[in-house]
Amino acid sequence: MEYIKAEQQGSTLILTINRPHCMNALNNGVYEEIIACLEDAKELMPYALAMAEKIGSKASYAVSLAKSAIYTSQSTDLPNGCLRERNLLGLVFATHDKQEGMEAFLARRKPEFKDF
């Protein structure tokens, strides 16, 4: 159960890139946060939609590679997992979205990701 909880926390942090919220979620536990939503079913759908919107606002190619790194880490040893992550990072850095993200950050505007 602890492994699943850690996996969920890591996935949320990686895919949403929302540090203040995620640090709170890591301290309190994403799992507990979802359970709290389940206790009040009215809040579950807004929570899920907000999480999906947050992930959807990121560059979809980068999100898919991040998910690939997460899944690979579950089925391989640490050296191979790190190698896979390094290779995926190289792919992300070769995209137009990487440049767009950096330019948008420096210009203090919302990025317009186009994938590649």
N, C-alpha and C. Protein backbone atom coordinates (compact mmCIF):
# COMPACT_ATOMS: atom_id res chain seq x y z
N MET A 1 0.82 -1.20 0.00
CA MET A 1 0.00 0.00 0.00
C MET A 1 0.86 1.26 0.00
N GLU A 2 1.98 1.23 0.75
CA GLU A 2 2.86 2.39 0.78
C GLU A 2 3.47 2.66 -0.59
N TYR A 3 3.80 1.58 -1.34
CA TYR A 3 4.36 1.75 -2.68
C TYR A 3 3.36 2.45 -3.59
N ILE A 4 2.11 2.02 -3.53
CA ILE A 4 1.06 2.63 -4.36
C ILE A 4 0.88 4.09 -3.99
N LYS A 5 0.89 4.39 -2.71
CA LYS A 5 0.74 5.76 -2.26
C LYS A 5 1.89 6.63 -2.77
N ALA A 6 3.12 6.14 -2.67
CA ALA A 6 4.28 6.88 -3.15
C ALA A 6 4.21 7.08 -4.66
N GLU A 7 3.77 6.06 -5.37
CA GLU A 7 3.63 6.15 -6.83
C GLU A 7 2.62 7.22 -7.20
N GLN A 8 1.49 7.26 -6.51
CA GLN A 8 0.47 8.27 -6.79
C GLN A 8 0.98 9.66 -6.50
N GLN A 9 1.69 9.82 -5.40
CA GLN A 9 2.23 11.12 -5.04
C GLN A 9 3.24 11.59 -6.08
N GLY A 10 4.11 10.69 -6.50
CA GLY A 10 5.12 11.04 -7.49
C GLY A 10 4.49 11.40 -8.82
N SER A 11 3.52 10.63 -9.25
CA SER A 11 2.84 10.90 -10.52
C SER A 11 2.16 12.26 -10.50
N THR A 12 1.49 12.56 -9.41
CA THR A 12 0.82 13.86 -9.30
C THR A 12 1.82 14.99 -9.37
N LEU A 13 2.90 14.88 -8.67
CA LEU A 13 3.92 15.92 -8.67
C LEU A 13 4.52 16.10 -10.06
N ILE A 14 4.83 15.00 -10.73
CA ILE A 14 5.46 15.05 -12.05
C ILE A 14 4.50 15.61 -13.09
N LEU A 15 3.27 15.16 -13.09
CA LEU A 15 2.35 15.53 -14.17
C LEU A 15 1.71 16.91 -14.00
N THR A 16 1.55 17.39 -12.78
CA THR A 16 0.92 18.69 -12.59
C THR A 16 1.92 19.81 -12.45
N ILE A 17 3.11 19.51 -12.00
CA ILE A 17 4.16 20.50 -11.77
C ILE A 17 3.61 21.68 -10.96
N ASN A 18 2.84 21.37 -9.97
CA ASN A 18 2.23 22.40 -9.12
C ASN A 18 2.87 22.30 -7.75
N ARG A 19 4.00 22.97 -7.58
CA ARG A 19 4.80 22.77 -6.38
C ARG A 19 4.08 23.10 -5.07
N PRO A 20 3.50 24.28 -4.90
CA PRO A 20 2.89 24.53 -3.58
C PRO A 20 1.78 23.52 -3.27
N HIS A 21 0.92 23.27 -4.24
CA HIS A 21 -0.17 22.30 -4.02
C HIS A 21 0.38 20.91 -3.80
N CYS A 22 1.37 20.54 -4.60
CA CYS A 22 1.92 19.20 -4.49
C CYS A 22 2.71 19.02 -3.21
N MET A 23 3.40 20.05 -2.78
CA MET A 23 4.11 19.91 -1.51
C MET A 23 3.10 19.69 -0.39
N ASN A 24 2.00 20.40 -0.46
CA ASN A 24 0.93 20.19 0.52
C ASN A 24 0.39 18.77 0.38
N ALA A 25 0.19 18.34 -0.86
CA ALA A 25 -0.33 16.99 -1.09
C ALA A 25 0.66 15.93 -0.62
N LEU A 26 1.96 16.19 -0.82
CA LEU A 26 2.95 15.22 -0.37
C LEU A 26 2.98 15.16 1.16
N ASN A 27 2.82 16.32 1.80
CA ASN A 27 2.81 16.33 3.26
C ASN A 27 1.56 15.64 3.80
N ASN A 28 0.43 15.92 3.19
CA ASN A 28 -0.84 15.36 3.66
C ASN A 28 -1.16 14.03 2.99
N GLY A 29 -0.57 13.81 1.84
CA GLY A 29 -0.81 12.58 1.10
C GLY A 29 -1.92 12.74 0.08
N VAL A 30 -1.56 12.57 -1.20
CA VAL A 30 -2.54 12.67 -2.28
C VAL A 30 -3.65 11.65 -2.05
N TYR A 31 -3.25 10.48 -1.59
CA TYR A 31 -4.22 9.42 -1.34
C TYR A 31 -5.30 9.89 -0.36
N GLU A 32 -4.87 10.52 0.74
CA GLU A 32 -5.83 11.01 1.73
C GLU A 32 -6.71 12.11 1.14
N GLU A 33 -6.13 12.93 0.26
CA GLU A 33 -6.87 14.00 -0.36
C GLU A 33 -8.01 13.43 -1.23
N ILE A 34 -7.72 12.37 -1.96
CA ILE A 34 -8.74 11.73 -2.79
C ILE A 34 -9.79 11.05 -1.93
N ILE A 35 -9.36 10.40 -0.86
CA ILE A 35 -10.31 9.76 0.06
C ILE A 35 -11.25 10.81 0.64
N ALA A 36 -10.72 11.97 0.98
CA ALA A 36 -11.56 13.04 1.51
C ALA A 36 -12.61 13.45 0.48
N CYS A 37 -12.21 13.48 -0.79
CA CYS A 37 -13.16 13.81 -1.85
C CYS A 37 -14.22 12.72 -1.98
N LEU A 38 -13.81 11.48 -1.82
CA LEU A 38 -14.76 10.39 -1.92
C LEU A 38 -15.80 10.45 -0.80
N GLU A 39 -15.39 10.96 0.35
CA GLU A 39 -16.32 11.08 1.46
C GLU A 39 -17.44 12.06 1.12
N ASP A 40 -17.12 13.05 0.31
CA ASP A 40 -18.13 13.99 -0.17
C ASP A 40 -18.12 13.90 -1.69
N ALA A 41 -18.92 13.03 -2.25
CA ALA A 41 -18.90 12.72 -3.68
C ALA A 41 -19.10 13.96 -4.55
N LYS A 42 -19.75 14.99 -4.03
CA LYS A 42 -19.95 16.21 -4.81
C LYS A 42 -18.62 16.87 -5.17
N GLU A 43 -17.61 16.65 -4.35
CA GLU A 43 -16.32 17.30 -4.59
C GLU A 43 -15.38 16.47 -5.45
N LEU A 44 -15.70 15.22 -5.68
CA LEU A 44 -14.80 14.34 -6.43
C LEU A 44 -14.67 14.78 -7.88
N MET A 45 -15.78 15.02 -8.57
CA MET A 45 -15.71 15.39 -9.98
C MET A 45 -14.99 16.73 -10.19
N PRO A 46 -15.29 17.78 -9.41
CA PRO A 46 -14.52 19.02 -9.59
C PRO A 46 -13.02 18.82 -9.34
N TYR A 47 -12.69 17.99 -8.36
CA TYR A 47 -11.27 17.71 -8.07
C TYR A 47 -10.62 17.02 -9.26
N ALA A 48 -11.29 16.00 -9.79
CA ALA A 48 -10.74 15.25 -10.93
C ALA A 48 -10.63 16.14 -12.17
N LEU A 49 -11.62 16.98 -12.40
CA LEU A 49 -11.58 17.87 -13.56
C LEU A 49 -10.48 18.92 -13.42
N ALA A 50 -10.29 19.43 -12.22
CA ALA A 50 -9.22 20.41 -11.99
C ALA A 50 -7.86 19.76 -12.22
N MET A 51 -7.69 18.53 -11.76
CA MET A 51 -6.43 17.81 -11.96
C MET A 51 -6.21 17.55 -13.45
N ALA A 52 -7.25 17.14 -14.16
CA ALA A 52 -7.14 16.88 -15.60
C ALA A 52 -6.84 18.16 -16.37
N GLU A 53 -7.45 19.26 -15.96
CA GLU A 53 -7.19 20.54 -16.62
C GLU A 53 -5.75 20.98 -16.40
N LYS A 54 -5.25 20.79 -15.19
CA LYS A 54 -3.87 21.15 -14.87
C LYS A 54 -2.90 20.34 -15.72
N ILE A 55 -3.12 19.03 -15.81
CA ILE A 55 -2.24 18.18 -16.61
C ILE A 55 -2.40 18.51 -18.10
N GLY A 56 -3.64 18.77 -18.53
CA GLY A 56 -3.91 19.10 -19.93
C GLY A 56 -3.31 20.43 -20.38
N SER A 57 -3.00 21.30 -19.44
CA SER A 57 -2.42 22.60 -19.80
C SER A 57 -0.93 22.48 -20.11
N LYS A 58 -0.35 21.33 -19.80
CA LYS A 58 1.08 21.11 -20.07
C LYS A 58 1.26 20.61 -21.49
N ALA A 59 2.48 20.63 -21.96
CA ALA A 59 2.79 20.12 -23.30
C ALA A 59 2.50 18.62 -23.32
N SER A 60 1.61 18.21 -24.20
CA SER A 60 1.14 16.81 -24.17
C SER A 60 2.26 15.81 -24.47
N TYR A 61 3.20 16.18 -25.32
CA TYR A 61 4.30 15.26 -25.62
C TYR A 61 5.17 15.07 -24.37
N ALA A 62 5.44 16.15 -23.66
CA ALA A 62 6.23 16.06 -22.44
C ALA A 62 5.49 15.25 -21.38
N VAL A 63 4.18 15.43 -21.28
CA VAL A 63 3.39 14.66 -20.32
C VAL A 63 3.44 13.17 -20.67
N SER A 64 3.33 12.85 -21.96
CA SER A 64 3.35 11.44 -22.34
C SER A 64 4.73 10.82 -22.05
N LEU A 65 5.79 11.58 -22.24
CA LEU A 65 7.12 11.06 -21.92
C LEU A 65 7.31 10.93 -20.40
N ALA A 66 6.75 11.85 -19.64
CA ALA A 66 6.82 11.75 -18.19
C ALA A 66 6.08 10.50 -17.71
N LYS A 67 4.92 10.25 -18.30
CA LYS A 67 4.18 9.03 -17.94
C LYS A 67 4.98 7.79 -18.31
N SER A 68 5.66 7.82 -19.44
CA SER A 68 6.49 6.69 -19.84
C SER A 68 7.61 6.47 -18.82
N ALA A 69 8.21 7.54 -18.33
CA ALA A 69 9.27 7.41 -17.33
C ALA A 69 8.72 6.82 -16.04
N ILE A 70 7.53 7.25 -15.65
CA ILE A 70 6.90 6.72 -14.43
C ILE A 70 6.65 5.22 -14.58
N TYR A 71 6.07 4.83 -15.71
CA TYR A 71 5.75 3.42 -15.92
C TYR A 71 7.01 2.56 -16.01
N THR A 72 8.05 3.10 -16.67
CA THR A 72 9.31 2.36 -16.78
C THR A 72 9.92 2.14 -15.40
N SER A 73 9.85 3.16 -14.55
CA SER A 73 10.46 3.05 -13.22
C SER A 73 9.82 1.95 -12.39
N GLN A 74 8.59 1.61 -12.71
CA GLN A 74 7.88 0.56 -11.96
C GLN A 74 8.31 -0.84 -12.38
N SER A 75 8.90 -0.97 -13.56
CA SER A 75 9.20 -2.30 -14.07
C SER A 75 10.68 -2.54 -14.34
N THR A 76 11.55 -1.69 -13.83
CA THR A 76 12.97 -1.87 -14.09
C THR A 76 13.77 -1.49 -12.85
N ASP A 77 15.06 -1.75 -12.91
CA ASP A 77 15.92 -1.39 -11.79
C ASP A 77 16.33 0.09 -11.90
N LEU A 78 16.95 0.62 -10.86
CA LEU A 78 17.28 2.04 -10.79
C LEU A 78 18.21 2.50 -11.91
N PRO A 79 19.31 1.81 -12.21
CA PRO A 79 20.19 2.30 -13.29
C PRO A 79 19.48 2.38 -14.64
N ASN A 80 18.69 1.37 -14.98
CA ASN A 80 17.97 1.40 -16.25
C ASN A 80 16.87 2.44 -16.24
N GLY A 81 16.23 2.63 -15.11
CA GLY A 81 15.20 3.66 -14.99
C GLY A 81 15.79 5.05 -15.18
N CYS A 82 16.95 5.28 -14.58
CA CYS A 82 17.63 6.58 -14.73
C CYS A 82 18.08 6.81 -16.17
N LEU A 83 18.57 5.76 -16.81
CA LEU A 83 18.98 5.86 -18.21
C LEU A 83 17.78 6.21 -19.09
N ARG A 84 16.66 5.54 -18.87
CA ARG A 84 15.44 5.83 -19.63
C ARG A 84 14.99 7.28 -19.41
N GLU A 85 15.03 7.72 -18.16
CA GLU A 85 14.62 9.09 -17.86
C GLU A 85 15.54 10.09 -18.55
N ARG A 86 16.83 9.85 -18.55
CA ARG A 86 17.79 10.73 -19.21
C ARG A 86 17.52 10.78 -20.72
N ASN A 87 17.24 9.64 -21.33
CA ASN A 87 16.94 9.61 -22.76
C ASN A 87 15.64 10.36 -23.08
N LEU A 88 14.64 10.20 -22.24
CA LEU A 88 13.37 10.90 -22.45
C LEU A 88 13.54 12.41 -22.28
N LEU A 89 14.36 12.80 -21.32
CA LEU A 89 14.63 14.23 -21.12
C LEU A 89 15.27 14.83 -22.37
N GLY A 90 16.17 14.08 -22.99
CA GLY A 90 16.78 14.54 -24.24
C GLY A 90 15.74 14.74 -25.33
N LEU A 91 14.76 13.86 -25.40
CA LEU A 91 13.69 14.02 -26.39
C LEU A 91 12.87 15.27 -26.11
N VAL A 92 12.56 15.52 -24.85
CA VAL A 92 11.78 16.71 -24.49
C VAL A 92 12.56 17.98 -24.84
N PHE A 93 13.86 17.97 -24.57
CA PHE A 93 14.67 19.16 -24.84
C PHE A 93 14.84 19.43 -26.34
N ALA A 94 14.50 18.48 -27.18
CA ALA A 94 14.62 18.67 -28.63
C ALA A 94 13.33 19.19 -29.25
N THR A 95 12.34 19.53 -28.44
CA THR A 95 11.05 19.95 -28.99
C THR A 95 10.91 21.47 -29.04
N HIS A 96 10.00 21.91 -29.89
CA HIS A 96 9.65 23.33 -29.95
C HIS A 96 9.02 23.77 -28.63
N ASP A 97 8.28 22.89 -28.01
CA ASP A 97 7.60 23.22 -26.76
C ASP A 97 8.57 23.60 -25.66
N LYS A 98 9.76 23.01 -25.65
CA LYS A 98 10.76 23.37 -24.65
C LYS A 98 11.14 24.83 -24.84
N GLN A 99 11.41 25.22 -26.08
CA GLN A 99 11.77 26.60 -26.37
C GLN A 99 10.61 27.54 -26.06
N GLU A 100 9.41 27.14 -26.45
CA GLU A 100 8.22 27.95 -26.19
C GLU A 100 8.00 28.14 -24.69
N GLY A 101 8.18 27.09 -23.93
CA GLY A 101 8.02 27.17 -22.48
C GLY A 101 9.01 28.13 -21.86
N MET A 102 10.26 28.08 -22.31
CA MET A 102 11.29 28.98 -21.77
C MET A 102 11.00 30.43 -22.16
N GLU A 103 10.62 30.64 -23.42
CA GLU A 103 10.32 32.00 -23.87
C GLU A 103 9.10 32.57 -23.16
N ALA A 104 8.08 31.75 -22.97
CA ALA A 104 6.88 32.20 -22.27
C ALA A 104 7.20 32.54 -20.82
N PHE A 105 8.02 31.73 -20.18
CA PHE A 105 8.41 31.99 -18.80
C PHE A 105 9.14 33.33 -18.69
N LEU A 106 10.09 33.56 -19.59
CA LEU A 106 10.85 34.81 -19.55
C LEU A 106 9.99 36.02 -19.88
N ALA A 107 9.00 35.83 -20.76
CA ALA A 107 8.10 36.92 -21.14
C ALA A 107 6.92 37.04 -20.17
N ARG A 108 6.86 36.14 -19.20
CA ARG A 108 5.77 36.12 -18.21
C ARG A 108 4.39 36.04 -18.88
N ARG A 109 4.30 35.12 -19.82
CA ARG A 109 3.03 34.87 -20.50
C ARG A 109 2.74 33.38 -20.48
N LYS A 110 1.51 33.05 -20.83
CA LYS A 110 1.12 31.64 -20.87
C LYS A 110 1.69 31.00 -22.15
N PRO A 111 2.33 29.83 -22.03
CA PRO A 111 2.90 29.20 -23.22
C PRO A 111 1.80 28.65 -24.15
N GLU A 112 2.13 28.63 -25.43
CA GLU A 112 1.24 28.05 -26.43
C GLU A 112 1.93 26.82 -27.01
N PHE A 113 1.70 25.69 -26.35
CA PHE A 113 2.35 24.45 -26.76
C PHE A 113 1.74 23.90 -28.02
N LYS A 114 2.62 23.44 -28.96
CA LYS A 114 2.16 22.89 -30.23
C LYS A 114 2.63 21.46 -30.44
N ASP A 115 3.39 20.92 -29.50
CA ASP A 115 3.95 19.57 -29.61
C ASP A 115 4.92 19.47 -30.78
N PHE A 116 6.16 19.50 -30.45
CA PHE A 116 7.29 19.39 -31.37
C PHE A 116 7.57 20.73 -31.93
